[in-house]
Amino acid sequence: MKINTITSFTVHDSGGWTRISATYSQVDENGKVLIDNDRFNIVVVDEDAKDAIKTINDLLLTKIPEQEE
């Protein structure tokens, strides 16, 4: 059995497409690391995924710290 985990991801617009770049690691059932922080990219075409990205983006916009002038 192999267990995958997403270790990081970022969303960005590129050439009119929404893309997700992510890294993942994989271990076996004994905890031995098989893959460590490998990278992949996808173009987001699923509307539910686009909605989820918008939800996270909207949340993050409310969390931007106030800056003193």
C-alpha atoms as a PDB file:
ATOM      1  CA  MET A   1       0.000   0.000   0.000  1.00  0.00           C
ATOM      2  CA  LYS A   2       1.221   3.485  -0.871  1.00  0.00           C
ATOM      3  CA  ILE A   3       0.055   6.596   0.975  1.00  0.00           C
ATOM      4  CA  ASN A   4       0.147   9.994  -0.774  1.00  0.00           C
ATOM      5  CA  THR A   5       0.028  13.378   0.899  1.00  0.00           C
ATOM      6  CA  ILE A   6      -0.045  16.857  -0.611  1.00  0.00           C
ATOM      7  CA  THR A   7       2.814  18.843   0.926  1.00  0.00           C
ATOM      8  CA  SER A   8       2.020  22.210  -0.665  1.00  0.00           C
ATOM      9  CA  PHE A   9       0.020  23.830  -3.422  1.00  0.00           C
ATOM     10  CA  THR A  10      -0.477  27.200  -5.049  1.00  0.00           C
ATOM     11  CA  VAL A  11      -3.083  28.512  -7.469  1.00  0.00           C
ATOM     12  CA  HIS A  12      -2.233  30.925 -10.252  1.00  0.00           C
ATOM     13  CA  ASP A  13      -3.657  32.265 -13.495  1.00  0.00           C
ATOM     14  CA  SER A  14      -1.529  31.577 -16.534  1.00  0.00           C
ATOM     15  CA  GLY A  15      -2.459  32.465 -20.080  1.00  0.00           C
ATOM     16  CA  GLY A  16      -6.160  32.622 -19.276  1.00  0.00           C
ATOM     17  CA  TRP A  17      -6.149  29.284 -17.435  1.00  0.00           C
ATOM     18  CA  THR A  18      -6.349  28.619 -13.723  1.00  0.00           C
ATOM     19  CA  ARG A  19      -3.557  26.270 -12.733  1.00  0.00           C
ATOM     20  CA  ILE A  20      -2.666  24.461  -9.542  1.00  0.00           C
ATOM     21  CA  SER A  21       0.969  23.635  -8.877  1.00  0.00           C
ATOM     22  CA  ALA A  22       1.437  21.105  -6.101  1.00  0.00           C
ATOM     23  CA  THR A  23       4.027  18.935  -4.428  1.00  0.00           C
ATOM     24  CA  TYR A  24       3.395  15.567  -2.836  1.00  0.00           C
ATOM     25  CA  SER A  25       5.180  12.874  -0.904  1.00  0.00           C
ATOM     26  CA  GLN A  26       4.521   9.149  -0.856  1.00  0.00           C
ATOM     27  CA  VAL A  27       5.311   6.552   1.799  1.00  0.00           C
ATOM     28  CA  ASP A  28       4.751   2.808   1.964  1.00  0.00           C
ATOM     29  CA  GLU A  29       2.874   0.969   4.710  1.00  0.00           C
ATOM     30  CA  ASN A  30       6.074   0.830   6.802  1.00  0.00           C
ATOM     31  CA  GLY A  31       6.606   4.596   6.639  1.00  0.00           C
ATOM     32  CA  LYS A  32       9.493   4.373   4.175  1.00  0.00           C
ATOM     33  CA  VAL A  33       9.580   7.493   1.982  1.00  0.00           C
ATOM     34  CA  LEU A  34       9.159   6.483  -1.655  1.00  0.00           C
ATOM     35  CA  ILE A  35       8.718   9.952  -3.158  1.00  0.00           C
ATOM     36  CA  ASP A  36       9.574  13.211  -1.393  1.00  0.00           C
ATOM     37  CA  ASN A  37       8.170  16.569  -2.485  1.00  0.00           C
ATOM     38  CA  ASP A  38       7.698  15.711  -6.146  1.00  0.00           C
ATOM     39  CA  ARG A  39       5.932  18.390  -8.191  1.00  0.00           C
ATOM     40  CA  PHE A  40       3.006  18.349 -10.608  1.00  0.00           C
ATOM     41  CA  ASN A  41       0.687  20.880 -12.275  1.00  0.00           C
ATOM     42  CA  ILE A  42      -2.916  20.741 -13.430  1.00  0.00           C
ATOM     43  CA  VAL A  43      -5.232  23.057 -15.347  1.00  0.00           C
ATOM     44  CA  VAL A  44      -8.476  23.502 -13.406  1.00  0.00           C
ATOM     45  CA  VAL A  45     -11.520  22.809 -15.598  1.00  0.00           C
ATOM     46  CA  ASP A  46     -13.943  21.473 -12.974  1.00  0.00           C
ATOM     47  CA  GLU A  47     -16.455  24.132 -11.848  1.00  0.00           C
ATOM     48  CA  ASP A  48     -16.608  22.742  -8.297  1.00  0.00           C
ATOM     49  CA  ALA A  49     -12.828  23.071  -8.029  1.00  0.00           C
ATOM     50  CA  LYS A  50     -13.011  26.637  -9.354  1.00  0.00           C
ATOM     51  CA  ASP A  51     -15.656  27.438  -6.735  1.00  0.00           C
ATOM     52  CA  ALA A  52     -13.471  25.940  -4.004  1.00  0.00           C
ATOM     53  CA  ILE A  53     -10.511  28.057  -5.148  1.00  0.00           C
ATOM     54  CA  LYS A  54     -12.703  31.176  -5.056  1.00  0.00           C
ATOM     55  CA  THR A  55     -13.878  30.300  -1.535  1.00  0.00           C
ATOM     56  CA  ILE A  56     -10.302  29.967  -0.280  1.00  0.00           C
ATOM     57  CA  ASN A  57      -9.242  33.165  -2.075  1.00  0.00           C
ATOM     58  CA  ASP A  58     -12.172  35.105  -0.573  1.00  0.00           C
ATOM     59  CA  LEU A  59     -11.281  33.818   2.908  1.00  0.00           C
ATOM     60  CA  LEU A  60      -7.638  34.792   2.515  1.00  0.00           C
ATOM     61  CA  LEU A  61      -8.603  38.293   1.427  1.00  0.00           C
ATOM     62  CA  THR A  62     -10.367  38.757   4.787  1.00  0.00           C
ATOM     63  CA  LYS A  63      -7.209  37.648   6.651  1.00  0.00           C
ATOM     64  CA  ILE A  64      -4.728  40.128   5.168  1.00  0.00           C
ATOM     65  CA  PRO A  65      -3.151  41.953   8.137  1.00  0.00           C
ATOM     66  CA  GLU A  66      -3.665  45.697   8.427  1.00  0.00           C
ATOM     67  CA  GLN A  67      -0.517  47.651   7.634  1.00  0.00           C
ATOM     68  CA  GLU A  68       0.467  50.746   9.579  1.00  0.00           C
ATOM     69  CA  GLU A  69       1.192  53.777   7.434  1.00  0.00           C
END
